[in-house]
Protein backbone atom coordinates (compact mmCIF):
# COMPACT_ATOMS: atom_id res chain seq x y z
CA MET A 1 41.83 6.24 44.02
CA ARG A 2 43.61 7.66 47.04
CA THR A 3 42.07 7.24 50.39
CA PRO A 4 41.74 10.43 52.55
CA ALA A 5 44.16 10.91 55.37
CA SER A 6 42.88 10.18 58.77
CA ALA A 7 42.70 12.92 61.46
CA PRO A 8 45.80 13.26 63.66
CA GLU A 9 45.63 11.76 67.05
CA THR A 10 45.92 14.14 70.03
CA PHE A 11 48.89 13.50 72.32
CA THR A 12 47.94 12.96 75.90
CA PRO A 13 49.50 11.10 78.79
CA ASP A 14 46.79 8.46 78.49
CA ASN A 15 47.70 7.39 75.01
CA ALA A 16 51.41 7.79 75.55
CA SER A 17 51.70 4.13 76.39
CA GLY A 18 51.47 3.27 72.78
CA ALA A 19 54.47 5.45 71.82
CA SER A 20 58.09 4.94 72.45
CA GLY A 21 59.71 6.22 75.73
CA GLU A 22 62.02 8.67 73.95
CA VAL A 23 59.20 10.49 72.17
CA ALA A 24 57.22 10.83 75.42
CA ASP A 25 60.15 12.35 77.29
CA SER A 26 60.89 14.83 74.49
CA ASP A 27 57.34 16.12 74.35
CA HIS A 28 57.20 16.48 78.12
CA GLU A 29 60.39 18.62 78.19
CA LYS A 30 59.02 20.84 75.44
CA LEU A 31 55.88 21.40 77.44
CA GLU A 32 57.86 22.41 80.52
CA ARG A 33 59.96 24.84 78.52
CA LEU A 34 56.86 26.40 77.04
CA ASN A 35 55.33 26.83 80.46
CA LYS A 36 58.53 28.44 81.84
CA ALA A 37 58.75 30.80 78.86
CA ARG A 38 55.14 31.82 79.37
CA ASP A 39 55.74 32.51 83.09
CA ALA A 40 58.91 34.56 82.32
CA PHE A 41 57.04 36.60 79.70
CA GLU A 42 54.21 37.33 82.11
CA LYS A 43 56.71 38.34 84.82
CA PHE A 44 58.55 40.64 82.35
CA GLN A 45 55.26 42.30 81.42
CA ARG A 46 54.42 42.90 85.08
CA GLY A 47 57.97 44.37 85.81
CA ALA A 48 57.87 46.61 82.75
CA ALA A 49 54.50 47.94 83.85
CA GLU A 50 55.84 48.65 87.34
CA ASP A 51 58.96 50.39 85.94
CA ASP A 52 56.85 52.51 83.64
CA ALA A 53 54.65 53.54 86.54
CA ALA A 54 57.68 54.47 88.67
CA LYS A 55 59.22 56.45 85.84
CA MET A 56 55.96 58.21 85.28
CA GLU A 57 55.74 59.13 88.96
CA ARG A 58 59.29 60.54 88.92
CA LEU A 59 58.59 62.57 85.81
CA VAL A 60 55.42 63.97 87.34
CA ALA A 61 57.36 64.96 90.51
CA GLU A 62 60.08 66.67 88.47
CA VAL A 63 57.51 68.57 86.45
CA GLU A 64 55.81 69.74 89.63
CA MET A 65 59.18 70.89 91.08
CA LEU A 66 60.03 72.84 87.93
CA ARG A 67 56.61 74.46 88.01
CA ASP A 68 57.19 75.53 91.64
CA ARG A 69 60.60 77.00 90.79
CA LEU A 70 59.16 78.88 87.84
CA ALA A 71 56.39 80.31 89.97
CA ALA A 72 58.85 81.34 92.70
CA SER A 73 61.15 83.04 90.18
CA ARG A 74 58.24 85.03 88.82
CA THR A 75 57.06 86.22 92.23
CA ALA A 76 60.42 86.76 94.17
CA PRO A 77 62.83 89.54 93.06
CA ALA A 78 66.23 88.50 91.70
CA VAL A 79 69.22 88.86 94.09
CA LYS A 80 71.84 91.19 92.59
CA LYS A 81 75.44 90.84 93.79
CA SER A 82 77.53 93.87 94.61
CA THR A 83 80.63 94.91 92.69
CA TRP A 84 83.85 95.85 94.47
CA LYS A 85 85.20 99.22 93.39
CA PRO A 86 88.97 99.53 92.93
CA GLN A 87 90.90 101.19 95.78
CA SER A 88 87.96 100.88 98.17
CA LEU A 89 90.21 99.86 101.07
CA ARG A 90 91.46 102.56 103.39
CA ALA A 91 95.22 102.92 103.88
CA LEU A 92 97.13 101.08 106.57
CA PRO A 93 97.32 102.92 109.92
CA GLY A 94 100.22 105.33 110.24
CA ASP A 95 101.61 103.55 113.30
CA THR A 96 102.13 100.28 111.42
CA PRO A 97 105.85 99.47 111.85
CA LEU A 98 108.22 98.96 108.95
CA MET A 99 110.03 95.71 108.24
CA ASN A 100 113.54 96.96 109.04
CA LYS A 101 114.25 93.94 111.29
CA PRO A 102 112.84 90.39 111.50
CA GLY A 103 111.29 90.97 114.93
CA ASN A 104 108.79 93.47 113.48
CA VAL A 105 106.91 90.75 111.60
CA LEU A 106 104.66 90.08 114.61
CA ALA A 107 103.56 93.70 114.92
CA VAL A 108 103.13 94.07 111.15
CA ARG A 109 101.07 90.89 110.97
CA ARG A 110 98.84 91.96 113.85
CA MET A 111 98.27 95.45 112.44
CA VAL A 112 97.47 94.12 108.95
CA PHE A 113 94.86 91.70 110.30
CA ASP A 114 93.27 94.45 112.39
CA TRP A 115 93.23 96.68 109.32
CA LEU A 116 91.44 94.10 107.13
CA GLY A 117 88.92 92.93 109.73
CA SER A 118 86.54 90.33 108.25
CA TYR A 119 88.37 90.59 104.92
CA SER A 120 91.47 89.06 106.52
CA PHE A 121 90.45 85.68 105.09
CA VAL A 122 92.35 86.71 101.95
CA LEU A 123 95.62 86.40 103.88
CA ARG A 124 94.54 83.99 106.61
CA LEU A 125 93.74 81.19 104.16
CA SER A 126 97.29 81.03 102.79
CA SER A 127 99.11 77.75 103.29
CA GLU A 128 101.49 79.00 106.01
CA GLU A 129 98.75 80.76 107.96
CA ARG A 130 96.50 77.70 107.93
CA LYS A 131 99.23 75.71 109.67
CA MET A 132 99.16 78.10 112.65
CA MET A 133 95.35 78.25 113.04
CA THR A 134 93.04 76.10 115.10
CA LYS A 135 90.06 74.29 113.59
CA ALA A 136 87.62 76.91 114.89
CA GLU A 137 89.66 79.78 113.41
CA LEU A 138 89.88 77.99 110.07
CA GLU A 139 86.11 77.49 109.96
CA LEU A 140 85.56 81.18 110.83
CA HIS A 141 87.69 82.47 107.97
CA ARG A 142 86.19 79.99 105.52
CA SER A 143 82.71 81.17 106.45
CA ASN A 144 83.82 84.79 105.94
CA ARG A 145 85.08 83.85 102.50
CA ASP A 146 81.82 82.08 101.59
CA GLU A 147 79.78 85.09 102.71
CA PHE A 148 81.91 87.42 100.60
CA VAL A 149 81.61 85.18 97.54
CA ALA A 150 77.83 84.99 98.00
CA ALA A 151 77.41 88.77 98.29
CA TRP A 152 79.96 89.97 95.72
CA THR A 153 80.64 89.19 92.08
CA PRO A 154 83.53 86.88 91.11
CA ALA A 155 85.46 89.86 89.73
CA SER A 156 85.18 91.56 93.14
CA VAL A 157 87.21 88.78 94.77
CA THR A 158 90.06 89.39 92.32
CA GLN A 159 89.84 93.15 92.81
CA LEU A 160 90.03 92.74 96.61
CA GLN A 161 93.19 90.67 96.19
CA HIS A 162 94.63 93.40 93.95
CA ASP A 163 93.87 96.23 96.40
CA ILE A 164 95.40 94.39 99.37
CA TYR A 165 98.53 93.59 97.33
CA LEU A 166 99.04 97.23 96.31
CA GLU A 167 98.62 98.50 99.87
CA LEU A 168 101.11 95.95 101.23
CA LYS A 169 103.56 96.91 98.50
CA ARG A 170 103.16 100.61 99.32
CA HIS A 171 103.98 100.04 102.98
CA LEU A 172 106.51 97.18 102.82
CA GLY A 173 108.00 97.54 99.35
CA GLY A 174 110.66 100.01 100.51
CA SER A 175 112.15 97.56 103.02
CA ILE A 176 115.31 95.88 101.83
CA LEU A 177 114.25 92.69 103.62
CA VAL A 178 110.88 92.38 101.88
CA ALA A 179 111.54 94.01 98.48
CA PRO A 180 112.73 90.77 96.75
CA ILE A 181 109.38 89.10 97.51
CA PHE A 182 107.52 91.61 95.34
CA ASN A 183 109.67 90.54 92.37
CA THR A 184 108.46 86.93 92.63
CA VAL A 185 104.74 87.67 93.20
CA THR A 186 103.01 90.21 90.94
CA THR A 187 99.45 91.40 90.34
CA GLU A 188 99.19 89.19 87.26
CA LEU A 189 98.09 86.37 89.56
CA ALA A 190 94.41 86.22 90.50
CA GLU A 191 95.25 85.49 94.17
CA CYS A 192 98.28 87.81 94.28
CA ALA A 193 97.73 88.99 97.88
CA THR A 194 97.42 85.42 99.19
CA TYR A 195 100.59 84.27 97.44
CA LEU A 196 102.44 87.41 98.56
CA TRP A 197 101.51 86.88 102.20
CA ASP A 198 102.45 83.21 101.98
CA ALA A 199 105.94 84.15 100.71
CA PHE A 200 106.26 86.86 103.37
CA ILE A 201 105.39 84.50 106.25
CA SER A 202 107.68 81.81 104.84
CA ALA A 203 110.61 84.25 104.83
CA PHE A 204 109.89 85.64 108.34
CA HIS A 205 107.97 82.93 110.13
CA PRO A 206 106.54 84.21 113.44
CA ARG A 207 107.82 81.13 115.26
CA SER A 208 111.32 81.02 113.78
CA PHE A 209 114.43 81.52 115.91
CA PRO A 210 115.44 84.96 114.52
CA VAL A 211 111.97 86.42 115.11
CA VAL A 212 111.41 84.94 118.58
CA ALA A 213 114.90 85.82 119.80
CA SER A 214 114.71 89.39 118.47
CA VAL A 215 111.29 90.09 120.04
CA ILE A 216 112.20 88.71 123.47
CA ALA A 217 115.66 90.30 123.48
CA GLU A 218 114.44 93.81 122.67
CA SER A 219 111.61 93.66 125.19
CA ALA A 220 113.88 92.24 127.89
CA VAL A 221 116.48 94.97 127.34
CA ALA A 222 113.90 97.76 127.62
CA ILE A 223 112.37 96.21 130.75
CA LEU A 224 115.65 95.52 132.54
CA ARG A 225 116.98 99.02 131.88
CA GLY A 226 114.06 100.41 133.84
CA PRO A 227 112.69 103.95 133.68
CA ASP A 228 114.58 107.00 132.49
CA HIS A 229 115.84 108.94 135.51
CA ASP A 230 116.86 112.00 133.46
CA THR A 231 113.27 113.28 133.55
CA ALA A 232 111.07 114.09 136.53
CA ASP A 233 107.81 113.16 134.77
CA ALA A 234 106.83 109.59 135.62
CA ASP A 235 104.85 109.13 132.40
CA LYS A 236 107.84 110.08 130.27
CA ALA A 237 110.24 108.09 132.43
CA PHE A 238 108.23 104.86 132.08
CA ARG A 239 107.26 105.36 128.43
CA LYS A 240 109.74 102.86 126.96
CA TRP A 241 109.27 100.48 129.88
CA ASP A 242 105.49 100.39 129.46
CA ALA A 243 105.79 100.10 125.66
CA ALA A 244 108.08 97.07 125.99
CA VAL A 245 105.72 95.34 128.41
CA GLY A 246 102.72 96.09 126.17
CA ASP A 247 104.46 94.79 123.04
CA LEU A 248 105.47 91.60 124.82
CA ASN A 249 101.89 91.00 125.97
CA GLN A 250 100.52 91.62 122.48
CA ASN A 251 103.06 89.31 120.86
CA ALA A 252 102.55 86.54 123.44
CA ARG A 253 99.67 85.05 121.41
CA ASP A 254 101.87 84.60 118.33
CA LEU A 255 104.98 83.39 120.15
CA PRO A 256 105.49 79.62 120.54
CA PRO A 257 105.64 78.01 123.99
CA LEU A 258 109.12 78.62 125.42
CA THR A 259 111.10 75.91 127.15
CA ALA A 260 113.56 76.69 129.93
CA GLU A 261 116.48 76.27 127.54
CA MET A 262 114.95 78.56 124.93
CA LEU A 263 114.14 81.23 127.52
CA SER A 264 117.67 81.21 128.95
CA THR A 265 119.12 81.42 125.43
CA CYS A 266 116.94 84.43 124.62
CA LEU A 267 118.02 86.19 127.82
CA MET A 268 121.69 85.55 126.99
CA TYR A 269 120.99 86.95 123.55
CA ALA A 270 119.40 90.01 125.18
CA SER A 271 122.51 90.59 127.32
CA LEU A 272 124.59 91.05 124.17
CA HIS A 273 122.06 93.61 122.94
CA ALA A 274 122.02 95.50 126.25
CA SER A 275 125.79 95.71 126.73
CA LYS A 276 127.31 99.19 126.46
CA ALA A 277 130.54 97.84 124.98
CA ASP A 278 130.61 97.93 121.20
CA PRO A 279 132.16 94.43 120.72
CA TYR A 280 129.17 92.82 122.39
CA TYR A 281 126.71 94.70 120.22
CA GLN A 282 128.77 93.73 117.16
CA ALA A 283 128.49 90.10 118.27
CA TYR A 284 124.73 90.55 118.64
CA SER A 285 124.43 91.99 115.12
CA GLN A 286 126.58 89.24 113.59
CA LEU A 287 124.64 86.52 115.40
CA GLN A 288 121.33 88.02 114.28
CA ALA A 289 122.51 87.99 110.66
CA SER A 290 123.74 84.40 110.91
CA LEU A 291 120.42 83.16 112.32
CA ALA A 292 118.86 83.76 108.89
CA GLN A 293 120.81 80.73 107.66
CA SER A 294 119.17 77.36 108.20
CA SER A 295 122.47 75.70 109.14
CA VAL A 296 122.93 77.84 112.31
CA THR A 297 121.56 76.44 115.57
CA PHE A 298 120.23 78.92 118.11
CA ASP A 299 121.14 77.57 121.52
CA ALA A 300 123.03 78.58 124.65
CA ALA A 301 126.35 77.30 123.29
CA THR A 302 126.11 79.46 120.16
CA VAL A 303 125.29 82.62 122.11
CA ARG A 304 128.02 81.97 124.67
CA ALA A 305 130.60 81.47 121.91
CA ALA A 306 129.66 84.86 120.47
CA ALA A 307 129.88 86.44 123.94
CA VAL A 308 133.34 84.94 124.54
CA SER A 309 134.54 86.29 121.20
CA ALA A 310 133.23 89.75 122.11
CA PHE A 311 134.89 89.55 125.54
CA GLN A 312 138.26 88.75 123.98
CA ALA A 313 137.89 91.63 121.52
CA GLU A 314 137.09 94.03 124.37
CA GLN A 315 140.13 92.81 126.34
CA ARG A 316 142.40 93.35 123.34
CA ARG A 317 141.02 96.85 122.91
CA ARG A 318 141.68 97.75 126.53
CA SER A 319 145.16 96.29 126.66
CA SER A 320 146.30 97.66 123.30
CA ALA A 321 148.74 100.58 123.35
CA SER A 322 147.44 101.82 120.01
CA ARG A 323 143.90 102.47 121.24
CA ALA A 324 141.92 105.39 119.89
CA LEU A 325 143.03 108.84 120.99
CA ASP A 326 140.96 110.96 123.33
CA SER A 327 140.53 113.51 120.58
CA VAL A 328 137.01 113.73 119.25
CA GLU A 329 138.29 114.07 115.71
CA ALA A 330 140.01 110.70 116.04
CA PHE A 331 136.98 109.25 117.80
CA ALA A 332 134.67 110.31 114.98
CA PHE A 333 136.68 108.35 112.42
CA SER A 334 137.33 105.28 114.55
CA ALA A 335 136.60 101.98 112.86
CA GLY A 336 133.92 99.50 113.76
CA PRO A 337 130.13 99.52 113.51
CA ARG A 338 128.24 101.55 116.04
CA ARG A 339 124.83 101.12 117.58
CA PRO A 340 121.96 102.22 115.35
CA ILE A 341 120.92 105.78 116.01
CA THR A 342 117.73 106.11 118.04
CA GLY A 343 115.87 109.24 117.01
CA THR A 344 113.02 111.24 118.44
CA SER A 345 109.34 110.76 117.68
CA ALA A 346 108.90 114.38 116.55
CA PRO A 347 111.35 116.62 114.65
CA ALA A 348 113.06 119.54 116.37
CA PRO A 349 112.06 123.11 115.43
CA SER A 350 115.35 123.63 113.62
CA CYS A 351 115.19 120.27 111.77
CA CYS A 352 114.84 120.49 108.00
CA ARG A 353 113.12 117.04 107.86
CA CYS A 354 115.28 115.90 104.99
CA PRO A 355 114.19 112.29 104.13
CA HIS A 356 117.77 111.28 103.32
CA HIS A 357 119.42 112.68 106.45
CA CYS A 358 117.00 113.77 109.17
CA VAL A 359 114.52 110.86 108.92
CA LEU A 360 116.02 107.61 110.20
CA PRO A 361 115.11 104.15 108.78
CA ASP A 362 112.76 103.41 111.68
CA GLY A 363 110.69 106.55 110.98
CA THR A 364 112.09 108.66 113.82
CA TYR A 365 113.96 111.96 113.44
CA ARG A 366 117.63 112.60 113.96
CA VAL A 367 118.54 114.13 117.30
CA VAL A 368 119.45 117.81 116.96
CA ARG A 369 119.60 118.70 120.65
CA ALA A 370 123.41 118.86 120.59
CA VAL A 371 123.38 121.19 117.60
CA GLU A 372 120.98 123.56 119.34
CA THR A 373 123.21 123.55 122.42
CA HIS A 374 126.19 124.39 120.24
CA ASN A 375 124.32 127.25 118.58
CA ALA A 376 123.41 128.59 122.01
CA VAL A 377 127.05 128.51 123.12
CA VAL A 378 128.55 129.73 119.84
CA PRO A 379 126.01 131.75 117.79
CA VAL A 380 126.31 131.10 114.08
CA GLU A 381 126.36 134.80 113.14
CA SER A 382 129.25 135.55 115.51
CA ALA A 383 131.27 132.34 115.22
CA ARG A 384 133.14 133.47 112.12
CA ASP A 385 133.98 136.90 113.56
CA TYR A 386 135.03 135.38 116.87
CA CYS A 387 137.29 132.71 115.37
CA SER A 388 139.10 135.33 113.29
CA GLY A 389 140.76 136.79 116.43
CA ALA A 390 140.84 133.67 118.61
CA SER A 391 143.99 131.91 119.68
CA ALA A 392 145.16 128.65 118.19
CA LYS A 393 144.10 126.71 121.29
CA THR A 394 140.59 128.13 121.12
CA VAL A 395 140.26 127.26 117.42
CA ARG A 396 141.37 123.69 118.09
CA ALA A 397 138.94 123.39 121.01
CA LEU A 398 136.12 124.77 118.82
CA LYS A 399 136.84 122.27 116.01
CA ALA A 400 136.91 119.38 118.47
CA TYR A 401 133.64 120.50 120.01
CA GLN A 402 131.99 120.87 116.60
CA ALA A 403 133.13 117.38 115.61
CA ALA A 404 131.61 115.95 118.77
CA VAL A 405 128.33 117.78 118.18
CA GLU A 406 128.01 116.48 114.61
CA ASP A 407 128.88 112.90 115.62
CA LEU A 408 125.65 111.49 117.07
CA HIS A 409 127.50 108.42 118.36
CA CYS A 410 129.64 110.56 120.65
CA PRO A 411 128.68 110.19 124.34
CA ARG A 412 126.99 113.11 126.04
CA ASP A 413 129.69 113.28 128.70
CA GLU A 414 132.36 113.73 126.05
CA VAL A 415 130.38 116.52 124.38
CA THR A 416 129.94 118.24 127.74
CA ARG A 417 133.66 117.95 128.54
CA LEU A 418 134.71 119.41 125.20
CA GLY A 419 132.15 122.17 125.54
CA LYS A 420 133.59 123.13 128.93
CA GLN A 421 137.11 123.04 127.52
CA PHE A 422 136.07 125.34 124.69
CA GLU A 423 134.43 127.72 127.18
CA ALA A 424 137.62 127.77 129.26
CA GLU A 425 139.73 128.65 126.20
CA ARG A 426 137.18 131.26 125.19
CA ARG A 427 137.25 132.78 128.69
CA SER A 428 141.05 132.91 128.57
CA ASP A 429 140.88 134.79 125.28
CA ARG A 430 138.43 137.28 126.78
CA GLU A 431 140.62 137.83 129.83
CA ARG A 432 143.68 138.23 127.63
CA ASP A 433 141.84 140.70 125.40
CA MET A 434 140.66 142.62 128.46
CA TYR A 435 144.22 142.77 129.84
CA TYR A 436 145.61 144.08 126.56
CA ARG A 437 142.77 146.60 126.25
CA ILE A 438 143.46 147.92 129.77
CA GLN A 439 147.13 148.25 128.92
CA ASP A 440 146.31 150.15 125.75
CA GLU A 441 143.91 152.45 127.60
CA GLU A 442 146.56 153.23 130.27
CA ALA A 443 149.11 153.96 127.59
CA ALA A 444 146.66 156.31 125.87
CA VAL A 445 145.94 158.16 129.15
CA LEU A 446 149.62 158.60 129.89
CA ALA A 447 150.20 159.87 126.39
CA ARG A 448 147.52 162.55 126.81
CA THR A 449 148.39 163.71 130.34
CA GLY A 450 152.13 163.38 130.17
CA TYR A 451 152.34 161.60 133.49
CA GLY A 452 155.01 159.00 133.69
CA SER A 453 157.46 160.87 131.36
CA ASP A 454 161.08 161.44 132.38
CA ASP A 455 160.70 165.23 132.46
CA ASP A 456 157.98 165.19 135.12
CA ASP A 457 159.87 163.03 137.58
CA PHE A 458 160.41 164.62 141.02
């Protein structure tokens, strides 16, 4: 018969003396691990409770915020953005200059910005324009852009770009200097006006040598020439002088700071423009065309070399035995470029306003004063009848005078001299006709009365 098993003995430190040392150490380590595990589990439970409470608080706050937004949307009216209508911009002012020379870029740029007003951020925020702006100006135009985006629909921004592009193309597209830019930038781009203006400023930078030299030279020439003494009205006499001073003051903000060397070079450049001798003006035109190349340096040495070349050409012209004849017909067909014709602001009463002949590239009208003077001297209705009985000298003088009148490059003194010569020949014809008429009348009287015949001699 099996004896029942005895009850297990509880392990305590007091009865550990009866066990081996290895068993006591093992049980003690197990107890420590159990205690550490229990502490870690209790700590995890406390952290999880805290995390759940924090998450619950965040969720409650988000729910309250969404409830507030929903209530505000139900009570406040919805903000509706405006839509830009196509072709809402007015046209550019009529006095905006054309781009027929690089120096006009400053005036065109200033007039375009004045025309756009607060909408000028479309062009001002181009890459080239941002380089020339201060930090305050940049912040101003960025704020104007943000206000426009907040008040108008996204499609309105694109439509504004489109309208500005079309207006710039209408005004500048006919210029041979700017026309190639419109082939590279089209309305297919969303920011077509910004890209167009960036290409335009890159081609004619307001602080480049050709632009700065052209602006200062033209203003200096008009100022140094002084008022026009051919008129007694002071306002008319000082019109060009005041306009040059005003343009220079308006362009001063866009011009870079000038050093002494740059200022002297610009004044030398202006002297070529102001010279009355054609070789110097030819040198000015050639130098202006060469400045468009990046390899050309604009300094005093370059301008002086062009002036020396013009001086030598003028000396050869004066010393040559085969110089142009004094005849106006020969003068009209003489070779070499002439100064560009400067027209009048308003057409003459007899002007037909033909866009291909009467209207000059700068928008002025061809001078017709000489033609009116010619018509006053030789009426059109009687010129044909008069020339039929005129002498050969008178016909030649009339043709020379007509050639001078039609050639707008001919000096006024030359036209006056040929007009006086024609009048002298015409007066000689009249005196000769009067002499012959008197002779014929005397012969007719003698034939009727019989006086002077051989039979009636005493």
